[in-house]
Amino acid sequence: MCKERKFSKCGEIFNDIINQGHVPCESTFHLLIVAYLSSSIQGCLEEACSSYNRMIQLGGYLPKLSLHNSLFRALVSQPGASSKHYLKHAEFIFHNVVTSGLEIHKISMVVLFGYIAIRTP
């Protein structure tokens, strides 16, 4: 369903699973986040961030480095006024990578610190 861009239906089913007291498996979270990130529809990046947070909070999962990187890149590439809002999400993801013991690529460090230097007054 997510591949067909039926995000609202995927989100409904996902929320139903959680509301029934079940925690989706890690791969379900991962696939939903990737589907949201692959869309240019307004609101999908917010949904990806929300799903990422729930993945950690509800499931206690440690997202794979590739998911951290994909979400991080999507956040730091946002233009304009929304960039400060997304910076908080990017910093949270970066913190999770650092504290989880995952190996951080030099390019991610350069992107984060370059982004912070450009965006902060």
PDB file of N, CA and C in Angstrom:
ATOM      1  N   MET A   1       0.812  -1.185   0.000  1.00  0.00           N
ATOM      2  CA  MET A   1       0.000   0.000   0.000  1.00  0.00           C
ATOM      3  C   MET A   1       0.862   1.258   0.000  1.00  0.00           C
ATOM      4  N   CYS A   2       1.929   1.279   0.805  1.00  0.00           N
ATOM      5  CA  CYS A   2       2.772   2.464   0.867  1.00  0.00           C
ATOM      6  C   CYS A   2       3.481   2.710  -0.455  1.00  0.00           C
ATOM      7  N   LYS A   3       3.803   1.631  -1.165  1.00  0.00           N
ATOM      8  CA  LYS A   3       4.444   1.790  -2.466  1.00  0.00           C
ATOM      9  C   LYS A   3       3.509   2.456  -3.461  1.00  0.00           C
ATOM     10  N   GLU A   4       2.222   2.307  -3.255  1.00  0.00           N
ATOM     11  CA  GLU A   4       1.236   2.905  -4.149  1.00  0.00           C
ATOM     12  C   GLU A   4       0.866   4.316  -3.703  1.00  0.00           C
ATOM     13  N   ARG A   5       1.607   4.862  -2.761  1.00  0.00           N
ATOM     14  CA  ARG A   5       1.390   6.223  -2.275  1.00  0.00           C
ATOM     15  C   ARG A   5       0.062   6.404  -1.536  1.00  0.00           C
ATOM     16  N   LYS A   6      -0.436   5.347  -0.939  1.00  0.00           N
ATOM     17  CA  LYS A   6      -1.667   5.435  -0.155  1.00  0.00           C
ATOM     18  C   LYS A   6      -1.284   5.619   1.312  1.00  0.00           C
ATOM     19  N   PHE A   7      -0.613   6.744   1.567  1.00  0.00           N
ATOM     20  CA  PHE A   7      -0.055   6.987   2.889  1.00  0.00           C
ATOM     21  C   PHE A   7      -1.111   7.098   3.970  1.00  0.00           C
ATOM     22  N   SER A   8      -2.219   7.741   3.662  1.00  0.00           N
ATOM     23  CA  SER A   8      -3.230   7.921   4.705  1.00  0.00           C
ATOM     24  C   SER A   8      -3.785   6.572   5.162  1.00  0.00           C
ATOM     25  N   LYS A   9      -4.010   5.657   4.232  1.00  0.00           N
ATOM     26  CA  LYS A   9      -4.509   4.327   4.592  1.00  0.00           C
ATOM     27  C   LYS A   9      -3.449   3.550   5.377  1.00  0.00           C
ATOM     28  N   CYS A  10      -2.195   3.639   4.937  1.00  0.00           N
ATOM     29  CA  CYS A  10      -1.105   2.980   5.675  1.00  0.00           C
ATOM     30  C   CYS A  10      -1.025   3.523   7.094  1.00  0.00           C
ATOM     31  N   GLY A  11      -1.125   4.848   7.214  1.00  0.00           N
ATOM     32  CA  GLY A  11      -1.081   5.475   8.533  1.00  0.00           C
ATOM     33  C   GLY A  11      -2.229   5.038   9.416  1.00  0.00           C
ATOM     34  N   GLU A  12      -3.427   4.921   8.829  1.00  0.00           N
ATOM     35  CA  GLU A  12      -4.598   4.464   9.587  1.00  0.00           C
ATOM     36  C   GLU A  12      -4.393   3.049  10.121  1.00  0.00           C
ATOM     37  N   ILE A  13      -3.953   2.163   9.253  1.00  0.00           N
ATOM     38  CA  ILE A  13      -3.726   0.767   9.651  1.00  0.00           C
ATOM     39  C   ILE A  13      -2.644   0.697  10.727  1.00  0.00           C
ATOM     40  N   PHE A  14      -1.585   1.452  10.521  1.00  0.00           N
ATOM     41  CA  PHE A  14      -0.483   1.500  11.472  1.00  0.00           C
ATOM     42  C   PHE A  14      -0.978   1.975  12.837  1.00  0.00           C
ATOM     43  N   ASN A  15      -1.766   3.060  12.842  1.00  0.00           N
ATOM     44  CA  ASN A  15      -2.315   3.585  14.099  1.00  0.00           C
ATOM     45  C   ASN A  15      -3.291   2.610  14.744  1.00  0.00           C
ATOM     46  N   ASP A  16      -4.074   1.905  13.934  1.00  0.00           N
ATOM     47  CA  ASP A  16      -4.986   0.890  14.474  1.00  0.00           C
ATOM     48  C   ASP A  16      -4.215  -0.208  15.208  1.00  0.00           C
ATOM     49  N   ILE A  17      -3.105  -0.626  14.623  1.00  0.00           N
ATOM     50  CA  ILE A  17      -2.267  -1.653  15.251  1.00  0.00           C
ATOM     51  C   ILE A  17      -1.804  -1.170  16.624  1.00  0.00           C
ATOM     52  N   ILE A  18      -1.328   0.066  16.677  1.00  0.00           N
ATOM     53  CA  ILE A  18      -0.830   0.631  17.938  1.00  0.00           C
ATOM     54  C   ILE A  18      -1.968   0.828  18.933  1.00  0.00           C
ATOM     55  N   ASN A  19      -3.102   1.337  18.453  1.00  0.00           N
ATOM     56  CA  ASN A  19      -4.250   1.586  19.340  1.00  0.00           C
ATOM     57  C   ASN A  19      -4.832   0.304  19.930  1.00  0.00           C
ATOM     58  N   GLN A  20      -4.599  -0.823  19.270  1.00  0.00           N
ATOM     59  CA  GLN A  20      -5.054  -2.110  19.792  1.00  0.00           C
ATOM     60  C   GLN A  20      -4.060  -2.697  20.794  1.00  0.00           C
ATOM     61  N   GLY A  21      -3.026  -1.920  21.101  1.00  0.00           N
ATOM     62  CA  GLY A  21      -2.062  -2.354  22.103  1.00  0.00           C
ATOM     63  C   GLY A  21      -0.906  -3.160  21.566  1.00  0.00           C
ATOM     64  N   HIS A  22      -0.787  -3.242  20.256  1.00  0.00           N
ATOM     65  CA  HIS A  22       0.315  -3.981  19.650  1.00  0.00           C
ATOM     66  C   HIS A  22       1.416  -3.011  19.238  1.00  0.00           C
ATOM     67  N   VAL A  23       2.636  -3.505  19.221  1.00  0.00           N
ATOM     68  CA  VAL A  23       3.760  -2.709  18.745  1.00  0.00           C
ATOM     69  C   VAL A  23       4.234  -3.326  17.433  1.00  0.00           C
ATOM     70  N   PRO A  24       4.180  -2.547  16.353  1.00  0.00           N
ATOM     71  CA  PRO A  24       4.645  -3.081  15.067  1.00  0.00           C
ATOM     72  C   PRO A  24       6.116  -3.487  15.148  1.00  0.00           C
ATOM     73  N   CYS A  25       6.497  -4.427  14.314  1.00  0.00           N
ATOM     74  CA  CYS A  25       7.892  -4.865  14.299  1.00  0.00           C
ATOM     75  C   CYS A  25       8.764  -3.760  13.687  1.00  0.00           C
ATOM     76  N   GLU A  26      10.044  -3.891  13.914  1.00  0.00           N
ATOM     77  CA  GLU A  26      10.995  -2.877  13.452  1.00  0.00           C
ATOM     78  C   GLU A  26      10.917  -2.645  11.945  1.00  0.00           C
ATOM     79  N   SER A  27      10.776  -3.714  11.184  1.00  0.00           N
ATOM     80  CA  SER A  27      10.740  -3.562   9.725  1.00  0.00           C
ATOM     81  C   SER A  27       9.494  -2.809   9.260  1.00  0.00           C
ATOM     82  N   THR A  28       8.385  -2.925   9.988  1.00  0.00           N
ATOM     83  CA  THR A  28       7.169  -2.183   9.642  1.00  0.00           C
ATOM     84  C   THR A  28       7.399  -0.688   9.831  1.00  0.00           C
ATOM     85  N   PHE A  29       7.998  -0.320  10.956  1.00  0.00           N
ATOM     86  CA  PHE A  29       8.351   1.087  11.174  1.00  0.00           C
ATOM     87  C   PHE A  29       9.274   1.570  10.059  1.00  0.00           C
ATOM     88  N   HIS A  30      10.309   0.778   9.792  1.00  0.00           N
ATOM     89  CA  HIS A  30      11.315   1.147   8.794  1.00  0.00           C
ATOM     90  C   HIS A  30      10.668   1.393   7.428  1.00  0.00           C
ATOM     91  N   LEU A  31       9.837   0.460   6.994  1.00  0.00           N
ATOM     92  CA  LEU A  31       9.192   0.593   5.683  1.00  0.00           C
ATOM     93  C   LEU A  31       8.273   1.807   5.609  1.00  0.00           C
ATOM     94  N   LEU A  32       7.541   2.066   6.669  1.00  0.00           N
ATOM     95  CA  LEU A  32       6.646   3.217   6.680  1.00  0.00           C
ATOM     96  C   LEU A  32       7.440   4.519   6.601  1.00  0.00           C
ATOM     97  N   ILE A  33       8.521   4.611   7.348  1.00  0.00           N
ATOM     98  CA  ILE A  33       9.350   5.822   7.331  1.00  0.00           C
ATOM     99  C   ILE A  33       9.953   6.032   5.949  1.00  0.00           C
ATOM    100  N   VAL A  34      10.482   4.985   5.352  1.00  0.00           N
ATOM    101  CA  VAL A  34      11.065   5.092   4.010  1.00  0.00           C
ATOM    102  C   VAL A  34      10.007   5.512   2.993  1.00  0.00           C
ATOM    103  N   ALA A  35       8.797   4.979   3.121  1.00  0.00           N
ATOM    104  CA  ALA A  35       7.709   5.363   2.211  1.00  0.00           C
ATOM    105  C   ALA A  35       7.386   6.844   2.353  1.00  0.00           C
ATOM    106  N   TYR A  36       7.304   7.324   3.591  1.00  0.00           N
ATOM    107  CA  TYR A  36       7.050   8.750   3.799  1.00  0.00           C
ATOM    108  C   TYR A  36       8.174   9.594   3.204  1.00  0.00           C
ATOM    109  N   LEU A  37       9.418   9.163   3.386  1.00  0.00           N
ATOM    110  CA  LEU A  37      10.556   9.929   2.879  1.00  0.00           C
ATOM    111  C   LEU A  37      10.609   9.960   1.358  1.00  0.00           C
ATOM    112  N   SER A  38      10.040   8.964   0.725  1.00  0.00           N
ATOM    113  CA  SER A  38      10.077   8.910  -0.741  1.00  0.00           C
ATOM    114  C   SER A  38       9.006   9.780  -1.384  1.00  0.00           C
ATOM    115  N   SER A  39       8.176  10.388  -0.577  1.00  0.00           N
ATOM    116  CA  SER A  39       7.080  11.201  -1.093  1.00  0.00           C
ATOM    117  C   SER A  39       7.390  12.689  -0.985  1.00  0.00           C
ATOM    118  N   SER A  40       6.899  13.434  -1.946  1.00  0.00           N
ATOM    119  CA  SER A  40       7.023  14.892  -1.898  1.00  0.00           C
ATOM    120  C   SER A  40       5.730  15.534  -1.397  1.00  0.00           C
ATOM    121  N   ILE A  41       4.777  14.711  -0.976  1.00  0.00           N
ATOM    122  CA  ILE A  41       3.496  15.210  -0.479  1.00  0.00           C
ATOM    123  C   ILE A  41       3.722  15.931   0.849  1.00  0.00           C
ATOM    124  N   GLN A  42       3.112  17.107   0.982  1.00  0.00           N
ATOM    125  CA  GLN A  42       3.258  17.891   2.200  1.00  0.00           C
ATOM    126  C   GLN A  42       2.787  17.086   3.413  1.00  0.00           C
ATOM    127  N   GLY A  43       3.572  17.137   4.464  1.00  0.00           N
ATOM    128  CA  GLY A  43       3.231  16.443   5.698  1.00  0.00           C
ATOM    129  C   GLY A  43       3.905  15.090   5.850  1.00  0.00           C
ATOM    130  N   CYS A  44       4.429  14.543   4.770  1.00  0.00           N
ATOM    131  CA  CYS A  44       5.047  13.210   4.856  1.00  0.00           C
ATOM    132  C   CYS A  44       6.343  13.225   5.662  1.00  0.00           C
ATOM    133  N   LEU A  45       7.103  14.322   5.586  1.00  0.00           N
ATOM    134  CA  LEU A  45       8.330  14.390   6.377  1.00  0.00           C
ATOM    135  C   LEU A  45       7.996  14.431   7.870  1.00  0.00           C
ATOM    136  N   GLU A  46       6.951  15.161   8.229  1.00  0.00           N
ATOM    137  CA  GLU A  46       6.501  15.181   9.626  1.00  0.00           C
ATOM    138  C   GLU A  46       6.070  13.783  10.072  1.00  0.00           C
ATOM    139  N   GLU A  47       5.353  13.083   9.210  1.00  0.00           N
ATOM    140  CA  GLU A  47       4.918  11.720   9.537  1.00  0.00           C
ATOM    141  C   GLU A  47       6.117  10.789   9.692  1.00  0.00           C
ATOM    142  N   ALA A  48       7.139  10.986   8.858  1.00  0.00           N
ATOM    143  CA  ALA A  48       8.351  10.176   8.972  1.00  0.00           C
ATOM    144  C   ALA A  48       9.016  10.413  10.327  1.00  0.00           C
ATOM    145  N   CYS A  49       9.092  11.677  10.738  1.00  0.00           N
ATOM    146  CA  CYS A  49       9.684  12.011  12.041  1.00  0.00           C
ATOM    147  C   CYS A  49       8.866  11.424  13.184  1.00  0.00           C
ATOM    148  N   SER A  50       7.565  11.533  13.088  1.00  0.00           N
ATOM    149  CA  SER A  50       6.680  10.988  14.116  1.00  0.00           C
ATOM    150  C   SER A  50       6.837   9.473  14.223  1.00  0.00           C
ATOM    151  N   SER A  51       6.896   8.810  13.081  1.00  0.00           N
ATOM    152  CA  SER A  51       7.058   7.348  13.072  1.00  0.00           C
ATOM    153  C   SER A  51       8.415   6.948  13.638  1.00  0.00           C
ATOM    154  N   TYR A  52       9.447   7.727  13.323  1.00  0.00           N
ATOM    155  CA  TYR A  52      10.789   7.487  13.856  1.00  0.00           C
ATOM    156  C   TYR A  52      10.766   7.567  15.385  1.00  0.00           C
ATOM    157  N   ASN A  53      10.126   8.618  15.905  1.00  0.00           N
ATOM    158  CA  ASN A  53      10.042   8.786  17.357  1.00  0.00           C
ATOM    159  C   ASN A  53       9.280   7.637  18.010  1.00  0.00           C
ATOM    160  N   ARG A  54       8.177   7.234  17.393  1.00  0.00           N
ATOM    161  CA  ARG A  54       7.387   6.127  17.947  1.00  0.00           C
ATOM    162  C   ARG A  54       8.148   4.813  17.854  1.00  0.00           C
ATOM    163  N   MET A  55       8.957   4.655  16.824  1.00  0.00           N
ATOM    164  CA  MET A  55       9.771   3.450  16.667  1.00  0.00           C
ATOM    165  C   MET A  55      10.683   3.281  17.885  1.00  0.00           C
ATOM    166  N   ILE A  56      11.250   4.390  18.320  1.00  0.00           N
ATOM    167  CA  ILE A  56      12.164   4.361  19.461  1.00  0.00           C
ATOM    168  C   ILE A  56      11.393   4.247  20.773  1.00  0.00           C
ATOM    169  N   GLN A  57      10.338   5.049  20.925  1.00  0.00           N
ATOM    170  CA  GLN A  57       9.603   5.102  22.190  1.00  0.00           C
ATOM    171  C   GLN A  57       8.746   3.868  22.440  1.00  0.00           C
ATOM    172  N   LEU A  58       7.972   3.467  21.447  1.00  0.00           N
ATOM    173  CA  LEU A  58       7.057   2.335  21.633  1.00  0.00           C
ATOM    174  C   LEU A  58       7.757   0.994  21.522  1.00  0.00           C
ATOM    175  N   GLY A  59       8.615   0.885  20.521  1.00  0.00           N
ATOM    176  CA  GLY A  59       9.233  -0.405  20.257  1.00  0.00           C
ATOM    177  C   GLY A  59      10.564  -0.611  20.934  1.00  0.00           C
ATOM    178  N   GLY A  60      11.175   0.507  21.362  1.00  0.00           N
ATOM    179  CA  GLY A  60      12.504   0.393  21.940  1.00  0.00           C
ATOM    180  C   GLY A  60      13.537  -0.036  20.913  1.00  0.00           C
ATOM    181  N   TYR A  61      13.221   0.189  19.641  1.00  0.00           N
ATOM    182  CA  TYR A  61      14.109  -0.245  18.568  1.00  0.00           C
ATOM    183  C   TYR A  61      15.234   0.753  18.346  1.00  0.00           C
ATOM    184  N   LEU A  62      16.351   0.255  17.875  1.00  0.00           N
ATOM    185  CA  LEU A  62      17.468   1.074  17.439  1.00  0.00           C
ATOM    186  C   LEU A  62      17.439   1.067  15.915  1.00  0.00           C
ATOM    187  N   PRO A  63      16.978   2.163  15.309  1.00  0.00           N
ATOM    188  CA  PRO A  63      16.912   2.185  13.846  1.00  0.00           C
ATOM    189  C   PRO A  63      18.284   1.946  13.221  1.00  0.00           C
ATOM    190  N   LYS A  64      18.272   1.368  12.053  1.00  0.00           N
ATOM    191  CA  LYS A  64      19.512   1.112  11.325  1.00  0.00           C
ATOM    192  C   LYS A  64      20.135   2.439  10.907  1.00  0.00           C
ATOM    193  N   LEU A  65      21.456   2.423  10.743  1.00  0.00           N
ATOM    194  CA  LEU A  65      22.174   3.631  10.351  1.00  0.00           C
ATOM    195  C   LEU A  65      21.638   4.194   9.040  1.00  0.00           C
ATOM    196  N   SER A  66      21.269   3.325   8.116  1.00  0.00           N
ATOM    197  CA  SER A  66      20.753   3.800   6.825  1.00  0.00           C
ATOM    198  C   SER A  66      19.471   4.608   7.002  1.00  0.00           C
ATOM    199  N   LEU A  67      18.631   4.220   7.959  1.00  0.00           N
ATOM    200  CA  LEU A  67      17.399   4.967   8.212  1.00  0.00           C
ATOM    201  C   LEU A  67      17.715   6.314   8.857  1.00  0.00           C
ATOM    202  N   HIS A  68      18.631   6.311   9.823  1.00  0.00           N
ATOM    203  CA  HIS A  68      19.072   7.577  10.415  1.00  0.00           C
ATOM    204  C   HIS A  68      19.566   8.516   9.314  1.00  0.00           C
ATOM    205  N   ASN A  69      20.436   7.991   8.449  1.00  0.00           N
ATOM    206  CA  ASN A  69      21.022   8.816   7.389  1.00  0.00           C
ATOM    207  C   ASN A  69      19.965   9.359   6.441  1.00  0.00           C
ATOM    208  N   SER A  70      19.029   8.517   6.032  1.00  0.00           N
ATOM    209  CA  SER A  70      17.987   8.956   5.094  1.00  0.00           C
ATOM    210  C   SER A  70      17.120  10.051   5.698  1.00  0.00           C
ATOM    211  N   LEU A  71      16.715   9.855   6.929  1.00  0.00           N
ATOM    212  CA  LEU A  71      15.869  10.848   7.590  1.00  0.00           C
ATOM    213  C   LEU A  71      16.656  12.130   7.846  1.00  0.00           C
ATOM    214  N   PHE A  72      17.889  11.986   8.270  1.00  0.00           N
ATOM    215  CA  PHE A  72      18.747  13.141   8.529  1.00  0.00           C
ATOM    216  C   PHE A  72      18.926  13.974   7.260  1.00  0.00           C
ATOM    217  N   ARG A  73      19.243  13.313   6.158  1.00  0.00           N
ATOM    218  CA  ARG A  73      19.428  14.035   4.884  1.00  0.00           C
ATOM    219  C   ARG A  73      18.157  14.750   4.455  1.00  0.00           C
ATOM    220  N   ALA A  74      17.030  14.093   4.610  1.00  0.00           N
ATOM    221  CA  ALA A  74      15.755  14.718   4.237  1.00  0.00           C
ATOM    222  C   ALA A  74      15.501  15.960   5.085  1.00  0.00           C
ATOM    223  N   LEU A  75      15.846  15.897   6.348  1.00  0.00           N
ATOM    224  CA  LEU A  75      15.608  17.031   7.245  1.00  0.00           C
ATOM    225  C   LEU A  75      16.519  18.210   6.940  1.00  0.00           C
ATOM    226  N   VAL A  76      17.804  17.943   6.738  1.00  0.00           N
ATOM    227  CA  VAL A  76      18.735  19.055   6.524  1.00  0.00           C
ATOM    228  C   VAL A  76      18.629  19.653   5.130  1.00  0.00           C
ATOM    229  N   SER A  77      17.918  19.003   4.244  1.00  0.00           N
ATOM    230  CA  SER A  77      17.765  19.551   2.892  1.00  0.00           C
ATOM    231  C   SER A  77      16.526  20.431   2.754  1.00  0.00           C
ATOM    232  N   GLN A  78      15.795  20.632   3.841  1.00  0.00           N
ATOM    233  CA  GLN A  78      14.579  21.448   3.787  1.00  0.00           C
ATOM    234  C   GLN A  78      14.934  22.925   3.683  1.00  0.00           C
ATOM    235  N   PRO A  79      14.340  23.628   2.728  1.00  0.00           N
ATOM    236  CA  PRO A  79      14.648  25.043   2.532  1.00  0.00           C
ATOM    237  C   PRO A  79      13.759  25.955   3.374  1.00  0.00           C
ATOM    238  N   GLY A  80      14.161  27.190   3.453  1.00  0.00           N
ATOM    239  CA  GLY A  80      13.297  28.244   3.960  1.00  0.00           C
ATOM    240  C   GLY A  80      13.016  28.229   5.442  1.00  0.00           C
ATOM    241  N   ALA A  81      11.855  28.774   5.770  1.00  0.00           N
ATOM    242  CA  ALA A  81      11.464  29.015   7.160  1.00  0.00           C
ATOM    243  C   ALA A  81      11.333  27.739   7.983  1.00  0.00           C
ATOM    244  N   SER A  82      11.036  26.632   7.354  1.00  0.00           N
ATOM    245  CA  SER A  82      10.846  25.384   8.101  1.00  0.00           C
ATOM    246  C   SER A  82      12.165  24.777   8.560  1.00  0.00           C
ATOM    247  N   SER A  83      13.280  25.322   8.076  1.00  0.00           N
ATOM    248  CA  SER A  83      14.571  24.707   8.375  1.00  0.00           C
ATOM    249  C   SER A  83      14.895  24.682   9.867  1.00  0.00           C
ATOM    250  N   LYS A  84      14.522  25.719  10.621  1.00  0.00           N
ATOM    251  CA  LYS A  84      14.805  25.711  12.063  1.00  0.00           C
ATOM    252  C   LYS A  84      14.021  24.619  12.776  1.00  0.00           C
ATOM    253  N   HIS A  85      12.777  24.448  12.380  1.00  0.00           N
ATOM    254  CA  HIS A  85      11.954  23.388  12.970  1.00  0.00           C
ATOM    255  C   HIS A  85      12.591  22.026  12.708  1.00  0.00           C
ATOM    256  N   TYR A  86      13.024  21.807  11.488  1.00  0.00           N
ATOM    257  CA  TYR A  86      13.612  20.526  11.125  1.00  0.00           C
ATOM    258  C   TYR A  86      14.999  20.336  11.725  1.00  0.00           C
ATOM    259  N   LEU A  87      15.670  21.424  12.049  1.00  0.00           N
ATOM    260  CA  LEU A  87      16.982  21.319  12.676  1.00  0.00           C
ATOM    261  C   LEU A  87      16.880  20.581  14.009  1.00  0.00           C
ATOM    262  N   LYS A  88      15.823  20.834  14.765  1.00  0.00           N
ATOM    263  CA  LYS A  88      15.633  20.141  16.052  1.00  0.00           C
ATOM    264  C   LYS A  88      15.500  18.630  15.843  1.00  0.00           C
ATOM    265  N   HIS A  89      14.768  18.230  14.814  1.00  0.00           N
ATOM    266  CA  HIS A  89      14.638  16.802  14.500  1.00  0.00           C
ATOM    267  C   HIS A  89      15.995  16.223  14.088  1.00  0.00           C
ATOM    268  N   ALA A  90      16.734  16.975  13.264  1.00  0.00           N
ATOM    269  CA  ALA A  90      18.042  16.505  12.795  1.00  0.00           C
ATOM    270  C   ALA A  90      19.009  16.348  13.966  1.00  0.00           C
ATOM    271  N   GLU A  91      18.985  17.293  14.890  1.00  0.00           N
ATOM    272  CA  GLU A  91      19.852  17.195  16.064  1.00  0.00           C
ATOM    273  C   GLU A  91      19.484  15.985  16.924  1.00  0.00           C
ATOM    274  N   PHE A  92      18.187  15.706  17.047  1.00  0.00           N
ATOM    275  CA  PHE A  92      17.730  14.543  17.811  1.00  0.00           C
ATOM    276  C   PHE A  92      18.239  13.250  17.170  1.00  0.00           C
ATOM    277  N   ILE A  93      18.145  13.164  15.861  1.00  0.00           N
ATOM    278  CA  ILE A  93      18.630  11.979  15.149  1.00  0.00           C
ATOM    279  C   ILE A  93      20.134  11.839  15.330  1.00  0.00           C
ATOM    280  N   PHE A  94      20.854  12.953  15.183  1.00  0.00           N
ATOM    281  CA  PHE A  94      22.301  12.923  15.356  1.00  0.00           C
ATOM    282  C   PHE A  94      22.657  12.445  16.765  1.00  0.00           C
ATOM    283  N   HIS A  95      21.961  12.950  17.767  1.00  0.00           N
ATOM    284  CA  HIS A  95      22.180  12.528  19.155  1.00  0.00           C
ATOM    285  C   HIS A  95      21.952  11.019  19.303  1.00  0.00           C
ATOM    286  N   ASN A  96      20.900  10.517  18.683  1.00  0.00           N
ATOM    287  CA  ASN A  96      20.612   9.079  18.752  1.00  0.00           C
ATOM    288  C   ASN A  96      21.722   8.255  18.124  1.00  0.00           C
ATOM    289  N   VAL A  97      22.265   8.732  17.011  1.00  0.00           N
ATOM    290  CA  VAL A  97      23.356   8.001  16.358  1.00  0.00           C
ATOM    291  C   VAL A  97      24.579   7.985  17.268  1.00  0.00           C
ATOM    292  N   VAL A  98      24.921   9.136  17.824  1.00  0.00           N
ATOM    293  CA  VAL A  98      26.106   9.244  18.680  1.00  0.00           C
ATOM    294  C   VAL A  98      25.972   8.360  19.920  1.00  0.00           C
ATOM    295  N   THR A  99      24.816   8.402  20.571  1.00  0.00           N
ATOM    296  CA  THR A  99      24.645   7.647  21.819  1.00  0.00           C
ATOM    297  C   THR A  99      24.406   6.159  21.598  1.00  0.00           C
ATOM    298  N   SER A 100      24.058   5.779  20.379  1.00  0.00           N
ATOM    299  CA  SER A 100      23.780   4.365  20.112  1.00  0.00           C
ATOM    300  C   SER A 100      25.034   3.566  19.798  1.00  0.00           C
ATOM    301  N   GLY A 101      26.127   4.265  19.542  1.00  0.00           N
ATOM    302  CA  GLY A 101      27.356   3.567  19.212  1.00  0.00           C
ATOM    303  C   GLY A 101      27.502   3.246  17.737  1.00  0.00           C
ATOM    304  N   LEU A 102      26.559   3.708  16.924  1.00  0.00           N
ATOM    305  CA  LEU A 102      26.677   3.500  15.484  1.00  0.00           C
ATOM    306  C   LEU A 102      27.814   4.357  14.947  1.00  0.00           C
ATOM    307  N   GLU A 103      28.484   3.860  13.935  1.00  0.00           N
ATOM    308  CA  GLU A 103      29.601   4.596  13.354  1.00  0.00           C
ATOM    309  C   GLU A 103      29.076   5.751  12.506  1.00  0.00           C
ATOM    310  N   ILE A 104      29.571   6.930  12.796  1.00  0.00           N
ATOM    311  CA  ILE A 104      29.131   8.122  12.076  1.00  0.00           C
ATOM    312  C   ILE A 104      30.102   8.392  10.941  1.00  0.00           C
ATOM    313  N   HIS A 105      29.553   8.594   9.765  1.00  0.00           N
ATOM    314  CA  HIS A 105      30.374   8.911   8.606  1.00  0.00           C
ATOM    315  C   HIS A 105      30.802  10.367   8.664  1.00  0.00           C
ATOM    316  N   LYS A 106      32.002  10.652   8.192  1.00  0.00           N
ATOM    317  CA  LYS A 106      32.498  12.026   8.192  1.00  0.00           C
ATOM    318  C   LYS A 106      31.552  12.965   7.462  1.00  0.00           C
ATOM    319  N   ILE A 107      30.970  12.497   6.386  1.00  0.00           N
ATOM    320  CA  ILE A 107      30.081  13.350   5.602  1.00  0.00           C
ATOM    321  C   ILE A 107      28.875  13.788   6.429  1.00  0.00           C
ATOM    322  N   SER A 108      28.364  12.926   7.281  1.00  0.00           N
ATOM    323  CA  SER A 108      27.233  13.295   8.136  1.00  0.00           C
ATOM    324  C   SER A 108      27.634  14.392   9.108  1.00  0.00           C
ATOM    325  N   MET A 109      28.831  14.286   9.654  1.00  0.00           N
ATOM    326  CA  MET A 109      29.326  15.317  10.567  1.00  0.00           C
ATOM    327  C   MET A 109      29.451  16.651   9.847  1.00  0.00           C
ATOM    328  N   VAL A 110      30.023  16.630   8.657  1.00  0.00           N
ATOM    329  CA  VAL A 110      30.205  17.857   7.883  1.00  0.00           C
ATOM    330  C   VAL A 110      28.858  18.469   7.545  1.00  0.00           C
ATOM    331  N   VAL A 111      27.919  17.646   7.126  1.00  0.00           N
ATOM    332  CA  VAL A 111      26.586  18.142   6.777  1.00  0.00           C
ATOM    333  C   VAL A 111      25.920  18.757   7.994  1.00  0.00           C
ATOM    334  N   LEU A 112      25.956  18.076   9.135  1.00  0.00           N
ATOM    335  CA  LEU A 112      25.299  18.599  10.330  1.00  0.00           C
ATOM    336  C   LEU A 112      25.921  19.910  10.766  1.00  0.00           C
ATOM    337  N   PHE A 113      27.230  19.935  10.927  1.00  0.00           N
ATOM    338  CA  PHE A 113      27.847  21.146  11.447  1.00  0.00           C
ATOM    339  C   PHE A 113      27.813  22.276  10.432  1.00  0.00           C
ATOM    340  N   GLY A 114      27.878  21.959   9.162  1.00  0.00           N
ATOM    341  CA  GLY A 114      27.707  22.983   8.129  1.00  0.00           C
ATOM    342  C   GLY A 114      26.309  23.545   8.154  1.00  0.00           C
ATOM    343  N   TYR A 115      25.346  22.687   8.342  1.00  0.00           N
ATOM    344  CA  TYR A 115      23.938  23.100   8.394  1.00  0.00           C
ATOM    345  C   TYR A 115      23.697  23.982   9.614  1.00  0.00           C
ATOM    346  N   ILE A 116      24.225  23.583  10.751  1.00  0.00           N
ATOM    347  CA  ILE A 116      24.043  24.373  11.970  1.00  0.00           C
ATOM    348  C   ILE A 116      24.696  25.739  11.812  1.00  0.00           C
ATOM    349  N   ALA A 117      25.895  25.776  11.247  1.00  0.00           N
ATOM    350  CA  ALA A 117      26.598  27.044  11.070  1.00  0.00           C
ATOM    351  C   ALA A 117      25.831  27.988  10.151  1.00  0.00           C
ATOM    352  N   ILE A 118      25.208  27.447   9.124  1.00  0.00           N
ATOM    353  CA  ILE A 118      24.464  28.267   8.171  1.00  0.00           C
ATOM    354  C   ILE A 118      23.151  28.733   8.776  1.00  0.00           C
ATOM    355  N   ARG A 119      22.471  27.882   9.522  1.00  0.00           N
ATOM    356  CA  ARG A 119      21.109  28.156   9.987  1.00  0.00           C
ATOM    357  C   ARG A 119      21.027  28.948  11.286  1.00  0.00           C
ATOM    358  N   THR A 120      22.058  28.914  12.106  1.00  0.00           N
ATOM    359  CA  THR A 120      21.945  29.599  13.390  1.00  0.00           C
ATOM    360  C   THR A 120      22.490  31.016  13.279  1.00  0.00           C
ATOM    361  N   PRO A 121      21.829  31.964  13.965  1.00  0.00           N
ATOM    362  CA  PRO A 121      22.265  33.371  13.884  1.00  0.00           C
ATOM    363  C   PRO A 121      23.531  33.620  14.662  1.00  0.00           C
TER     364      PRO A 121
END
